[in-house]
Amino acid sequence: MQKAVRNSREHFLETYLRFCKEGRTRDELAEELGITIESVYSRYILEKKAGAKLPLIPKKKFRRSSEKVDKLLKELEELANGTDSKPEPEPEATEDEVFEDVDIESILNS
């Protein structure tokens, strides 16, 4: 079991500020401070409850999207905006179309 690391409030806030300015992640901050990601978030919440206005450091950096991911995101965006190209519903078949493959003579003669 890893020994608990204590960071003063001042040290935590100084490091937090530096990581915000550098665009680094919460994972990296946790590693730098020797604490868990959950502990970083808990300290963030405590500061917010105390009235501090802190930006939330992202948990992980997003990687550059692949073409496939970009296509999926575009389709999802279209769905969200209601602008997706939905296929037109097929009209219901008429009675003549429903029975066009049925040999009525053979049914009547059986």
PDB file of N, CA and C in Angstrom:
ATOM      1  N   MET A   1       0.835  -1.179   0.000  1.00  0.00           N
ATOM      2  CA  MET A   1       0.000   0.000   0.000  1.00  0.00           C
ATOM      3  C   MET A   1       0.885   1.249   0.000  1.00  0.00           C
ATOM      4  N   GLN A   2       0.491   2.195  -0.870  1.00  0.00           N
ATOM      5  CA  GLN A   2       1.268   3.423  -0.998  1.00  0.00           C
ATOM      6  C   GLN A   2       1.052   4.321   0.210  1.00  0.00           C
ATOM      7  N   LYS A   3       2.155   4.896   0.691  1.00  0.00           N
ATOM      8  CA  LYS A   3       2.088   5.798   1.833  1.00  0.00           C
ATOM      9  C   LYS A   3       1.368   7.084   1.415  1.00  0.00           C
ATOM     10  N   ALA A   4       0.478   7.582   2.263  1.00  0.00           N
ATOM     11  CA  ALA A   4      -0.262   8.806   1.983  1.00  0.00           C
ATOM     12  C   ALA A   4       0.688   9.994   1.909  1.00  0.00           C
ATOM     13  N   VAL A   5       0.480  10.831   0.912  1.00  0.00           N
ATOM     14  CA  VAL A   5       1.311  12.018   0.723  1.00  0.00           C
ATOM     15  C   VAL A   5       0.487  13.225   1.139  1.00  0.00           C
ATOM     16  N   ARG A   6       1.070  14.087   1.922  1.00  0.00           N
ATOM     17  CA  ARG A   6       0.405  15.313   2.371  1.00  0.00           C
ATOM     18  C   ARG A   6       0.978  16.491   1.595  1.00  0.00           C
ATOM     19  N   ASN A   7       0.084  17.259   1.022  1.00  0.00           N
ATOM     20  CA  ASN A   7       0.474  18.481   0.324  1.00  0.00           C
ATOM     21  C   ASN A   7      -0.251  19.633   1.002  1.00  0.00           C
ATOM     22  N   SER A   8       0.483  20.685   1.295  1.00  0.00           N
ATOM     23  CA  SER A   8      -0.181  21.842   1.906  1.00  0.00           C
ATOM     24  C   SER A   8      -1.147  22.453   0.903  1.00  0.00           C
ATOM     25  N   ARG A   9      -2.078  23.214   1.416  1.00  0.00           N
ATOM     26  CA  ARG A   9      -3.045  23.890   0.561  1.00  0.00           C
ATOM     27  C   ARG A   9      -2.314  24.815  -0.417  1.00  0.00           C
ATOM     28  N   GLU A  10      -1.328  25.523   0.103  1.00  0.00           N
ATOM     29  CA  GLU A  10      -0.559  26.447  -0.731  1.00  0.00           C
ATOM     30  C   GLU A  10       0.146  25.705  -1.860  1.00  0.00           C
ATOM     31  N   HIS A  11       0.813  24.589  -1.528  1.00  0.00           N
ATOM     32  CA  HIS A  11       1.526  23.808  -2.535  1.00  0.00           C
ATOM     33  C   HIS A  11       0.543  23.253  -3.571  1.00  0.00           C
ATOM     34  N   PHE A  12      -0.584  22.731  -3.095  1.00  0.00           N
ATOM     35  CA  PHE A  12      -1.594  22.194  -4.006  1.00  0.00           C
ATOM     36  C   PHE A  12      -2.064  23.271  -4.982  1.00  0.00           C
ATOM     37  N   LEU A  13      -2.416  24.460  -4.464  1.00  0.00           N
ATOM     38  CA  LEU A  13      -2.931  25.537  -5.310  1.00  0.00           C
ATOM     39  C   LEU A  13      -1.873  26.070  -6.272  1.00  0.00           C
ATOM     40  N   GLU A  14      -0.628  26.184  -5.812  1.00  0.00           N
ATOM     41  CA  GLU A  14       0.453  26.616  -6.703  1.00  0.00           C
ATOM     42  C   GLU A  14       0.623  25.639  -7.863  1.00  0.00           C
ATOM     43  N   THR A  15       0.628  24.361  -7.529  1.00  0.00           N
ATOM     44  CA  THR A  15       0.807  23.331  -8.552  1.00  0.00           C
ATOM     45  C   THR A  15      -0.405  23.284  -9.465  1.00  0.00           C
ATOM     46  N   TYR A  16      -1.586  23.411  -8.897  1.00  0.00           N
ATOM     47  CA  TYR A  16      -2.831  23.403  -9.672  1.00  0.00           C
ATOM     48  C   TYR A  16      -2.813  24.558 -10.682  1.00  0.00           C
ATOM     49  N   LEU A  17      -2.437  25.740 -10.223  1.00  0.00           N
ATOM     50  CA  LEU A  17      -2.357  26.914 -11.086  1.00  0.00           C
ATOM     51  C   LEU A  17      -1.369  26.688 -12.232  1.00  0.00           C
ATOM     52  N   ARG A  18      -0.213  26.159 -11.910  1.00  0.00           N
ATOM     53  CA  ARG A  18       0.811  25.900 -12.930  1.00  0.00           C
ATOM     54  C   ARG A  18       0.292  24.913 -13.979  1.00  0.00           C
ATOM     55  N   PHE A  19      -0.381  23.861 -13.518  1.00  0.00           N
ATOM     56  CA  PHE A  19      -0.893  22.858 -14.448  1.00  0.00           C
ATOM     57  C   PHE A  19      -2.009  23.438 -15.320  1.00  0.00           C
ATOM     58  N   CYS A  20      -2.836  24.313 -14.766  1.00  0.00           N
ATOM     59  CA  CYS A  20      -3.878  24.981 -15.561  1.00  0.00           C
ATOM     60  C   CYS A  20      -3.238  25.811 -16.670  1.00  0.00           C
ATOM     61  N   LYS A  21      -2.224  26.591 -16.311  1.00  0.00           N
ATOM     62  CA  LYS A  21      -1.544  27.451 -17.281  1.00  0.00           C
ATOM     63  C   LYS A  21      -0.834  26.643 -18.359  1.00  0.00           C
ATOM     64  N   GLU A  22      -0.309  25.492 -17.976  1.00  0.00           N
ATOM     65  CA  GLU A  22       0.437  24.654 -18.923  1.00  0.00           C
ATOM     66  C   GLU A  22      -0.481  23.744 -19.741  1.00  0.00           C
ATOM     67  N   GLY A  23      -1.768  23.715 -19.398  1.00  0.00           N
ATOM     68  CA  GLY A  23      -2.701  22.863 -20.134  1.00  0.00           C
ATOM     69  C   GLY A  23      -2.505  21.387 -19.880  1.00  0.00           C
ATOM     70  N   ARG A  24      -2.049  21.063 -18.686  1.00  0.00           N
ATOM     71  CA  ARG A  24      -1.783  19.662 -18.351  1.00  0.00           C
ATOM     72  C   ARG A  24      -3.020  19.018 -17.736  1.00  0.00           C
ATOM     73  N   THR A  25      -2.969  17.724 -17.541  1.00  0.00           N
ATOM     74  CA  THR A  25      -4.146  16.977 -17.102  1.00  0.00           C
ATOM     75  C   THR A  25      -4.148  16.695 -15.601  1.00  0.00           C
ATOM     76  N   ARG A  26      -5.323  16.291 -15.140  1.00  0.00           N
ATOM     77  CA  ARG A  26      -5.494  15.915 -13.741  1.00  0.00           C
ATOM     78  C   ARG A  26      -4.658  14.678 -13.413  1.00  0.00           C
ATOM     79  N   ASP A  27      -4.521  13.779 -14.382  1.00  0.00           N
ATOM     80  CA  ASP A  27      -3.686  12.587 -14.178  1.00  0.00           C
ATOM     81  C   ASP A  27      -2.238  12.989 -13.893  1.00  0.00           C
ATOM     82  N   GLU A  28      -1.749  13.937 -14.677  1.00  0.00           N
ATOM     83  CA  GLU A  28      -0.372  14.411 -14.502  1.00  0.00           C
ATOM     84  C   GLU A  28      -0.206  15.145 -13.172  1.00  0.00           C
ATOM     85  N   LEU A  29      -1.237  15.917 -12.800  1.00  0.00           N
ATOM     86  CA  LEU A  29      -1.193  16.640 -11.523  1.00  0.00           C
ATOM     87  C   LEU A  29      -1.135  15.654 -10.360  1.00  0.00           C
ATOM     88  N   ALA A  30      -1.967  14.633 -10.422  1.00  0.00           N
ATOM     89  CA  ALA A  30      -1.968  13.618  -9.366  1.00  0.00           C
ATOM     90  C   ALA A  30      -0.597  12.965  -9.241  1.00  0.00           C
ATOM     91  N   GLU A  31      -0.002  12.643 -10.377  1.00  0.00           N
ATOM     92  CA  GLU A  31       1.322  12.021 -10.364  1.00  0.00           C
ATOM     93  C   GLU A  31       2.353  12.964  -9.756  1.00  0.00           C
ATOM     94  N   GLU A  32       2.302  14.222 -10.159  1.00  0.00           N
ATOM     95  CA  GLU A  32       3.249  15.225  -9.644  1.00  0.00           C
ATOM     96  C   GLU A  32       3.125  15.373  -8.126  1.00  0.00           C
ATOM     97  N   LEU A  33       1.888  15.375  -7.625  1.00  0.00           N
ATOM     98  CA  LEU A  33       1.661  15.570  -6.187  1.00  0.00           C
ATOM     99  C   LEU A  33       1.785  14.275  -5.388  1.00  0.00           C
ATOM    100  N   GLY A  34       1.835  13.136  -6.084  1.00  0.00           N
ATOM    101  CA  GLY A  34       1.950  11.849  -5.394  1.00  0.00           C
ATOM    102  C   GLY A  34       0.650  11.409  -4.748  1.00  0.00           C
ATOM    103  N   ILE A  35      -0.472  11.814  -5.342  1.00  0.00           N
ATOM    104  CA  ILE A  35      -1.786  11.454  -4.812  1.00  0.00           C
ATOM    105  C   ILE A  35      -2.628  10.861  -5.948  1.00  0.00           C
ATOM    106  N   THR A  36      -3.804  10.363  -5.611  1.00  0.00           N
ATOM    107  CA  THR A  36      -4.673   9.777  -6.626  1.00  0.00           C
ATOM    108  C   THR A  36      -5.443  10.878  -7.365  1.00  0.00           C
ATOM    109  N   ILE A  37      -5.957  10.523  -8.527  1.00  0.00           N
ATOM    110  CA  ILE A  37      -6.775  11.453  -9.312  1.00  0.00           C
ATOM    111  C   ILE A  37      -8.012  11.842  -8.514  1.00  0.00           C
ATOM    112  N   GLU A  38      -8.557  10.887  -7.784  1.00  0.00           N
ATOM    113  CA  GLU A  38      -9.731  11.151  -6.965  1.00  0.00           C
ATOM    114  C   GLU A  38      -9.434  12.182  -5.877  1.00  0.00           C
ATOM    115  N   SER A  39      -8.215  12.116  -5.335  1.00  0.00           N
ATOM    116  CA  SER A  39      -7.814  13.083  -4.304  1.00  0.00           C
ATOM    117  C   SER A  39      -7.689  14.483  -4.890  1.00  0.00           C
ATOM    118  N   VAL A  40      -7.183  14.569  -6.119  1.00  0.00           N
ATOM    119  CA  VAL A  40      -7.101  15.878  -6.782  1.00  0.00           C
ATOM    120  C   VAL A  40      -8.505  16.447  -6.921  1.00  0.00           C
ATOM    121  N   TYR A  41      -9.431  15.631  -7.387  1.00  0.00           N
ATOM    122  CA  TYR A  41     -10.805  16.089  -7.577  1.00  0.00           C
ATOM    123  C   TYR A  41     -11.448  16.457  -6.239  1.00  0.00           C
ATOM    124  N   SER A  42     -11.185  15.673  -5.202  1.00  0.00           N
ATOM    125  CA  SER A  42     -11.728  15.985  -3.870  1.00  0.00           C
ATOM    126  C   SER A  42     -11.224  17.330  -3.372  1.00  0.00           C
ATOM    127  N   ARG A  43      -9.943  17.594  -3.576  1.00  0.00           N
ATOM    128  CA  ARG A  43      -9.382  18.889  -3.156  1.00  0.00           C
ATOM    129  C   ARG A  43     -10.009  20.020  -3.965  1.00  0.00           C
ATOM    130  N   TYR A  44     -10.243  19.781  -5.238  1.00  0.00           N
ATOM    131  CA  TYR A  44     -10.906  20.772  -6.099  1.00  0.00           C
ATOM    132  C   TYR A  44     -12.305  21.086  -5.539  1.00  0.00           C
ATOM    133  N   ILE A  45     -13.057  20.051  -5.209  1.00  0.00           N
ATOM    134  CA  ILE A  45     -14.419  20.221  -4.664  1.00  0.00           C
ATOM    135  C   ILE A  45     -14.366  20.987  -3.344  1.00  0.00           C
ATOM    136  N   LEU A  46     -13.420  20.654  -2.468  1.00  0.00           N
ATOM    137  CA  LEU A  46     -13.294  21.365  -1.187  1.00  0.00           C
ATOM    138  C   LEU A  46     -13.029  22.857  -1.407  1.00  0.00           C
ATOM    139  N   GLU A  47     -12.164  23.172  -2.365  1.00  0.00           N
ATOM    140  CA  GLU A  47     -11.874  24.578  -2.666  1.00  0.00           C
ATOM    141  C   GLU A  47     -13.120  25.281  -3.218  1.00  0.00           C
ATOM    142  N   LYS A  48     -13.868  24.594  -4.069  1.00  0.00           N
ATOM    143  CA  LYS A  48     -15.092  25.176  -4.624  1.00  0.00           C
ATOM    144  C   LYS A  48     -16.110  25.445  -3.509  1.00  0.00           C
ATOM    145  N   LYS A  49     -16.241  24.498  -2.581  1.00  0.00           N
ATOM    146  CA  LYS A  49     -17.175  24.674  -1.459  1.00  0.00           C
ATOM    147  C   LYS A  49     -16.755  25.818  -0.555  1.00  0.00           C
ATOM    148  N   ALA A  50     -15.455  26.074  -0.508  1.00  0.00           N
ATOM    149  CA  ALA A  50     -14.944  27.168   0.311  1.00  0.00           C
ATOM    150  C   ALA A  50     -15.085  28.514  -0.408  1.00  0.00           C
ATOM    151  N   GLY A  51     -15.598  28.474  -1.641  1.00  0.00           N
ATOM    152  CA  GLY A  51     -15.838  29.711  -2.372  1.00  0.00           C
ATOM    153  C   GLY A  51     -14.828  30.044  -3.447  1.00  0.00           C
ATOM    154  N   ALA A  52     -13.818  29.214  -3.623  1.00  0.00           N
ATOM    155  CA  ALA A  52     -12.812  29.470  -4.664  1.00  0.00           C
ATOM    156  C   ALA A  52     -13.404  29.216  -6.042  1.00  0.00           C
ATOM    157  N   LYS A  53     -12.960  29.991  -7.000  1.00  0.00           N
ATOM    158  CA  LYS A  53     -13.398  29.809  -8.387  1.00  0.00           C
ATOM    159  C   LYS A  53     -12.227  29.241  -9.171  1.00  0.00           C
ATOM    160  N   LEU A  54     -12.226  27.927  -9.301  1.00  0.00           N
ATOM    161  CA  LEU A  54     -11.145  27.234  -9.993  1.00  0.00           C
ATOM    162  C   LEU A  54     -11.654  26.616 -11.282  1.00  0.00           C
ATOM    163  N   PRO A  55     -10.864  26.676 -12.343  1.00  0.00           N
ATOM    164  CA  PRO A  55     -11.229  25.897 -13.522  1.00  0.00           C
ATOM    165  C   PRO A  55     -10.941  24.423 -13.237  1.00  0.00           C
ATOM    166  N   LEU A  56     -11.757  23.541 -13.787  1.00  0.00           N
ATOM    167  CA  LEU A  56     -11.526  22.111 -13.590  1.00  0.00           C
ATOM    168  C   LEU A  56     -10.518  21.633 -14.621  1.00  0.00           C
ATOM    169  N   ILE A  57      -9.442  21.074 -14.143  1.00  0.00           N
ATOM    170  CA  ILE A  57      -8.432  20.514 -15.038  1.00  0.00           C
ATOM    171  C   ILE A  57      -9.009  19.244 -15.647  1.00  0.00           C
ATOM    172  N   PRO A  58      -8.881  19.076 -16.979  1.00  0.00           N
ATOM    173  CA  PRO A  58      -9.429  17.866 -17.599  1.00  0.00           C
ATOM    174  C   PRO A  58      -8.731  16.614 -17.091  1.00  0.00           C
ATOM    175  N   LYS A  59      -9.493  15.538 -17.038  1.00  0.00           N
ATOM    176  CA  LYS A  59      -8.951  14.281 -16.539  1.00  0.00           C
ATOM    177  C   LYS A  59      -7.894  13.712 -17.480  1.00  0.00           C
ATOM    178  N   LYS A  60      -8.196  13.706 -18.773  1.00  0.00           N
ATOM    179  CA  LYS A  60      -7.237  13.206 -19.764  1.00  0.00           C
ATOM    180  C   LYS A  60      -7.324  14.074 -20.994  1.00  0.00           C
ATOM    181  N   LYS A  61      -6.244  14.101 -21.729  1.00  0.00           N
ATOM    182  CA  LYS A  61      -6.235  14.829 -22.993  1.00  0.00           C
ATOM    183  C   LYS A  61      -6.938  13.987 -24.047  1.00  0.00           C
ATOM    184  N   PHE A  62      -7.683  14.667 -24.895  1.00  0.00           N
ATOM    185  CA  PHE A  62      -8.301  13.973 -26.011  1.00  0.00           C
ATOM    186  C   PHE A  62      -7.265  13.798 -27.107  1.00  0.00           C
ATOM    187  N   ARG A  63      -7.298  12.638 -27.712  1.00  0.00           N
ATOM    188  CA  ARG A  63      -6.397  12.394 -28.836  1.00  0.00           C
ATOM    189  C   ARG A  63      -7.054  12.912 -30.103  1.00  0.00           C
ATOM    190  N   ARG A  64      -6.251  13.161 -31.080  1.00  0.00           N
ATOM    191  CA  ARG A  64      -6.754  13.593 -32.380  1.00  0.00           C
ATOM    192  C   ARG A  64      -7.679  12.519 -32.918  1.00  0.00           C
ATOM    193  N   SER A  65      -8.824  12.915 -33.409  1.00  0.00           N
ATOM    194  CA  SER A  65      -9.808  11.964 -33.921  1.00  0.00           C
ATOM    195  C   SER A  65      -9.341  11.322 -35.217  1.00  0.00           C
ATOM    196  N   SER A  66      -9.751  10.102 -35.400  1.00  0.00           N
ATOM    197  CA  SER A  66      -9.509   9.432 -36.672  1.00  0.00           C
ATOM    198  C   SER A  66     -10.647   9.811 -37.621  1.00  0.00           C
ATOM    199  N   GLU A  67     -10.501   9.493 -38.895  1.00  0.00           N
ATOM    200  CA  GLU A  67     -11.566   9.784 -39.856  1.00  0.00           C
ATOM    201  C   GLU A  67     -12.853   9.076 -39.466  1.00  0.00           C
ATOM    202  N   LYS A  68     -12.733   7.844 -38.989  1.00  0.00           N
ATOM    203  CA  LYS A  68     -13.908   7.057 -38.581  1.00  0.00           C
ATOM    204  C   LYS A  68     -14.611   7.747 -37.407  1.00  0.00           C
ATOM    205  N   VAL A  69     -13.839   8.190 -36.410  1.00  0.00           N
ATOM    206  CA  VAL A  69     -14.421   8.873 -35.256  1.00  0.00           C
ATOM    207  C   VAL A  69     -15.074  10.181 -35.691  1.00  0.00           C
ATOM    208  N   ASP A  70     -14.403  10.927 -36.578  1.00  0.00           N
ATOM    209  CA  ASP A  70     -14.979  12.173 -37.085  1.00  0.00           C
ATOM    210  C   ASP A  70     -16.315  11.923 -37.772  1.00  0.00           C
ATOM    211  N   LYS A  71     -16.387  10.857 -38.570  1.00  0.00           N
ATOM    212  CA  LYS A  71     -17.634  10.514 -39.269  1.00  0.00           C
ATOM    213  C   LYS A  71     -18.734  10.160 -38.267  1.00  0.00           C
ATOM    214  N   LEU A  72     -18.389   9.364 -37.253  1.00  0.00           N
ATOM    215  CA  LEU A  72     -19.372   8.990 -36.230  1.00  0.00           C
ATOM    216  C   LEU A  72     -19.871  10.221 -35.476  1.00  0.00           C
ATOM    217  N   LEU A  73     -18.951  11.118 -35.122  1.00  0.00           N
ATOM    218  CA  LEU A  73     -19.328  12.338 -34.411  1.00  0.00           C
ATOM    219  C   LEU A  73     -20.246  13.213 -35.261  1.00  0.00           C
ATOM    220  N   LYS A  74     -19.975  13.290 -36.568  1.00  0.00           N
ATOM    221  CA  LYS A  74     -20.817  14.076 -37.466  1.00  0.00           C
ATOM    222  C   LYS A  74     -22.221  13.489 -37.513  1.00  0.00           C
ATOM    223  N   GLU A  75     -22.333  12.162 -37.618  1.00  0.00           N
ATOM    224  CA  GLU A  75     -23.643  11.513 -37.636  1.00  0.00           C
ATOM    225  C   GLU A  75     -24.393  11.756 -36.329  1.00  0.00           C
ATOM    226  N   LEU A  76     -23.674  11.667 -35.203  1.00  0.00           N
ATOM    227  CA  LEU A  76     -24.311  11.914 -33.911  1.00  0.00           C
ATOM    228  C   LEU A  76     -24.774  13.363 -33.798  1.00  0.00           C
ATOM    229  N   GLU A  77     -23.979  14.285 -34.308  1.00  0.00           N
ATOM    230  CA  GLU A  77     -24.354  15.698 -34.284  1.00  0.00           C
ATOM    231  C   GLU A  77     -25.618  15.925 -35.116  1.00  0.00           C
ATOM    232  N   GLU A  78     -25.684  15.280 -36.281  1.00  0.00           N
ATOM    233  CA  GLU A  78     -26.870  15.405 -37.122  1.00  0.00           C
ATOM    234  C   GLU A  78     -28.108  14.870 -36.407  1.00  0.00           C
ATOM    235  N   LEU A  79     -27.947  13.754 -35.706  1.00  0.00           N
ATOM    236  CA  LEU A  79     -29.066  13.205 -34.945  1.00  0.00           C
ATOM    237  C   LEU A  79     -29.498  14.168 -33.843  1.00  0.00           C
ATOM    238  N   ALA A  80     -28.515  14.739 -33.157  1.00  0.00           N
ATOM    239  CA  ALA A  80     -28.812  15.658 -32.059  1.00  0.00           C
ATOM    240  C   ALA A  80     -29.513  16.918 -32.560  1.00  0.00           C
ATOM    241  N   ASN A  81     -29.141  17.369 -33.756  1.00  0.00           N
ATOM    242  CA  ASN A  81     -29.740  18.573 -34.325  1.00  0.00           C
ATOM    243  C   ASN A  81     -31.024  18.284 -35.094  1.00  0.00           C
ATOM    244  N   GLY A  82     -31.359  17.012 -35.257  1.00  0.00           N
ATOM    245  CA  GLY A  82     -32.551  16.652 -36.005  1.00  0.00           C
ATOM    246  C   GLY A  82     -32.388  16.857 -37.496  1.00  0.00           C
ATOM    247  N   THR A  83     -31.144  16.918 -37.960  1.00  0.00           N
ATOM    248  CA  THR A  83     -30.902  17.154 -39.384  1.00  0.00           C
ATOM    249  C   THR A  83     -30.336  15.932 -40.086  1.00  0.00           C
ATOM    250  N   ASP A  84     -30.471  14.782 -39.457  1.00  0.00           N
ATOM    251  CA  ASP A  84     -29.918  13.597 -40.093  1.00  0.00           C
ATOM    252  C   ASP A  84     -30.734  13.238 -41.330  1.00  0.00           C
ATOM    253  N   SER A  85     -30.112  12.563 -42.234  1.00  0.00           N
ATOM    254  CA  SER A  85     -30.785  12.173 -43.466  1.00  0.00           C
ATOM    255  C   SER A  85     -31.445  10.820 -43.259  1.00  0.00           C
ATOM    256  N   LYS A  86     -32.607  10.867 -42.638  1.00  0.00           N
ATOM    257  CA  LYS A  86     -33.353   9.633 -42.379  1.00  0.00           C
ATOM    258  C   LYS A  86     -33.974   9.161 -43.682  1.00  0.00           C
ATOM    259  N   PRO A  87     -33.988   7.861 -43.919  1.00  0.00           N
ATOM    260  CA  PRO A  87     -34.668   7.379 -45.115  1.00  0.00           C
ATOM    261  C   PRO A  87     -36.168   7.607 -44.964  1.00  0.00           C
ATOM    262  N   GLU A  88     -36.807   7.932 -46.080  1.00  0.00           N
ATOM    263  CA  GLU A  88     -38.255   8.136 -46.064  1.00  0.00           C
ATOM    264  C   GLU A  88     -38.929   6.815 -45.734  1.00  0.00           C
ATOM    265  N   PRO A  89     -39.975   6.841 -44.901  1.00  0.00           N
ATOM    266  CA  PRO A  89     -40.675   5.595 -44.599  1.00  0.00           C
ATOM    267  C   PRO A  89     -41.368   5.076 -45.858  1.00  0.00           C
ATOM    268  N   GLU A  90     -41.351   3.768 -46.001  1.00  0.00           N
ATOM    269  CA  GLU A  90     -42.010   3.183 -47.161  1.00  0.00           C
ATOM    270  C   GLU A  90     -43.515   3.262 -46.970  1.00  0.00           C
ATOM    271  N   PRO A  91     -44.243   3.577 -48.044  1.00  0.00           N
ATOM    272  CA  PRO A  91     -45.701   3.640 -47.914  1.00  0.00           C
ATOM    273  C   PRO A  91     -46.252   2.250 -47.669  1.00  0.00           C
ATOM    274  N   GLU A  92     -47.392   2.209 -46.977  1.00  0.00           N
ATOM    275  CA  GLU A  92     -48.008   0.913 -46.710  1.00  0.00           C
ATOM    276  C   GLU A  92     -48.512   0.303 -48.006  1.00  0.00           C
ATOM    277  N   ALA A  93     -48.424  -1.017 -48.095  1.00  0.00           N
ATOM    278  CA  ALA A  93     -48.843  -1.716 -49.304  1.00  0.00           C
ATOM    279  C   ALA A  93     -50.359  -1.697 -49.426  1.00  0.00           C
ATOM    280  N   THR A  94     -50.824  -1.594 -50.667  1.00  0.00           N
ATOM    281  CA  THR A  94     -52.267  -1.654 -50.910  1.00  0.00           C
ATOM    282  C   THR A  94     -52.700  -3.114 -50.879  1.00  0.00           C
ATOM    283  N   GLU A  95     -54.008  -3.333 -50.855  1.00  0.00           N
ATOM    284  CA  GLU A  95     -54.530  -4.704 -50.797  1.00  0.00           C
ATOM    285  C   GLU A  95     -54.117  -5.484 -52.033  1.00  0.00           C
ATOM    286  N   ASP A  96     -54.103  -4.825 -53.185  1.00  0.00           N
ATOM    287  CA  ASP A  96     -53.709  -5.504 -54.428  1.00  0.00           C
ATOM    288  C   ASP A  96     -52.248  -5.936 -54.350  1.00  0.00           C
ATOM    289  N   GLU A  97     -51.390  -5.085 -53.779  1.00  0.00           N
ATOM    290  CA  GLU A  97     -49.975  -5.418 -53.677  1.00  0.00           C
ATOM    291  C   GLU A  97     -49.735  -6.547 -52.690  1.00  0.00           C
ATOM    292  N   VAL A  98     -50.526  -6.586 -51.626  1.00  0.00           N
ATOM    293  CA  VAL A  98     -50.363  -7.636 -50.626  1.00  0.00           C
ATOM    294  C   VAL A  98     -50.680  -8.997 -51.222  1.00  0.00           C
ATOM    295  N   PHE A  99     -51.698  -9.051 -52.060  1.00  0.00           N
ATOM    296  CA  PHE A  99     -52.147 -10.340 -52.598  1.00  0.00           C
ATOM    297  C   PHE A  99     -51.639 -10.640 -54.004  1.00  0.00           C
ATOM    298  N   GLU A 100     -50.722  -9.834 -54.543  1.00  0.00           N
ATOM    299  CA  GLU A 100     -50.299 -10.048 -55.921  1.00  0.00           C
ATOM    300  C   GLU A 100     -49.544 -11.352 -56.117  1.00  0.00           C
ATOM    301  N   ASP A 101     -48.882 -11.882 -55.105  1.00  0.00           N
ATOM    302  CA  ASP A 101     -48.146 -13.140 -55.240  1.00  0.00           C
ATOM    303  C   ASP A 101     -48.995 -14.359 -54.892  1.00  0.00           C
ATOM    304  N   VAL A 102     -50.227 -14.148 -54.495  1.00  0.00           N
ATOM    305  CA  VAL A 102     -51.084 -15.254 -54.067  1.00  0.00           C
ATOM    306  C   VAL A 102     -51.905 -15.743 -55.267  1.00  0.00           C
ATOM    307  N   ASP A 103     -51.918 -17.057 -55.479  1.00  0.00           N
ATOM    308  CA  ASP A 103     -52.721 -17.644 -56.555  1.00  0.00           C
ATOM    309  C   ASP A 103     -54.110 -17.941 -56.002  1.00  0.00           C
ATOM    310  N   ILE A 104     -55.017 -17.001 -56.216  1.00  0.00           N
ATOM    311  CA  ILE A 104     -56.354 -17.084 -55.651  1.00  0.00           C
ATOM    312  C   ILE A 104     -57.084 -18.331 -56.196  1.00  0.00           C
ATOM    313  N   GLU A 105     -56.888 -18.672 -57.471  1.00  0.00           N
ATOM    314  CA  GLU A 105     -57.554 -19.826 -58.070  1.00  0.00           C
ATOM    315  C   GLU A 105     -57.202 -21.103 -57.319  1.00  0.00           C
ATOM    316  N   SER A 106     -55.912 -21.265 -56.974  1.00  0.00           N
ATOM    317  CA  SER A 106     -55.509 -22.511 -56.283  1.00  0.00           C
ATOM    318  C   SER A 106     -56.073 -22.553 -54.873  1.00  0.00           C
ATOM    319  N   ILE A 107     -56.257 -21.405 -54.237  1.00  0.00           N
ATOM    320  CA  ILE A 107     -56.843 -21.383 -52.892  1.00  0.00           C
ATOM    321  C   ILE A 107     -58.312 -21.760 -52.968  1.00  0.00           C
ATOM    322  N   LEU A 108     -59.028 -21.199 -53.958  1.00  0.00           N
ATOM    323  CA  LEU A 108     -60.458 -21.476 -54.094  1.00  0.00           C
ATOM    324  C   LEU A 108     -60.725 -22.916 -54.478  1.00  0.00           C
ATOM    325  N   ASN A 109     -59.841 -23.540 -55.251  1.00  0.00           N
ATOM    326  CA  ASN A 109     -60.028 -24.907 -55.714  1.00  0.00           C
ATOM    327  C   ASN A 109     -59.537 -25.940 -54.718  1.00  0.00           C
ATOM    328  N   SER A 110     -58.945 -25.559 -53.612  1.00  0.00           N
ATOM    329  CA  SER A 110     -58.431 -26.557 -52.685  1.00  0.00           C
ATOM    330  C   SER A 110     -59.417 -26.938 -51.644  1.00  0.00           C
TER     331      SER A 110
END
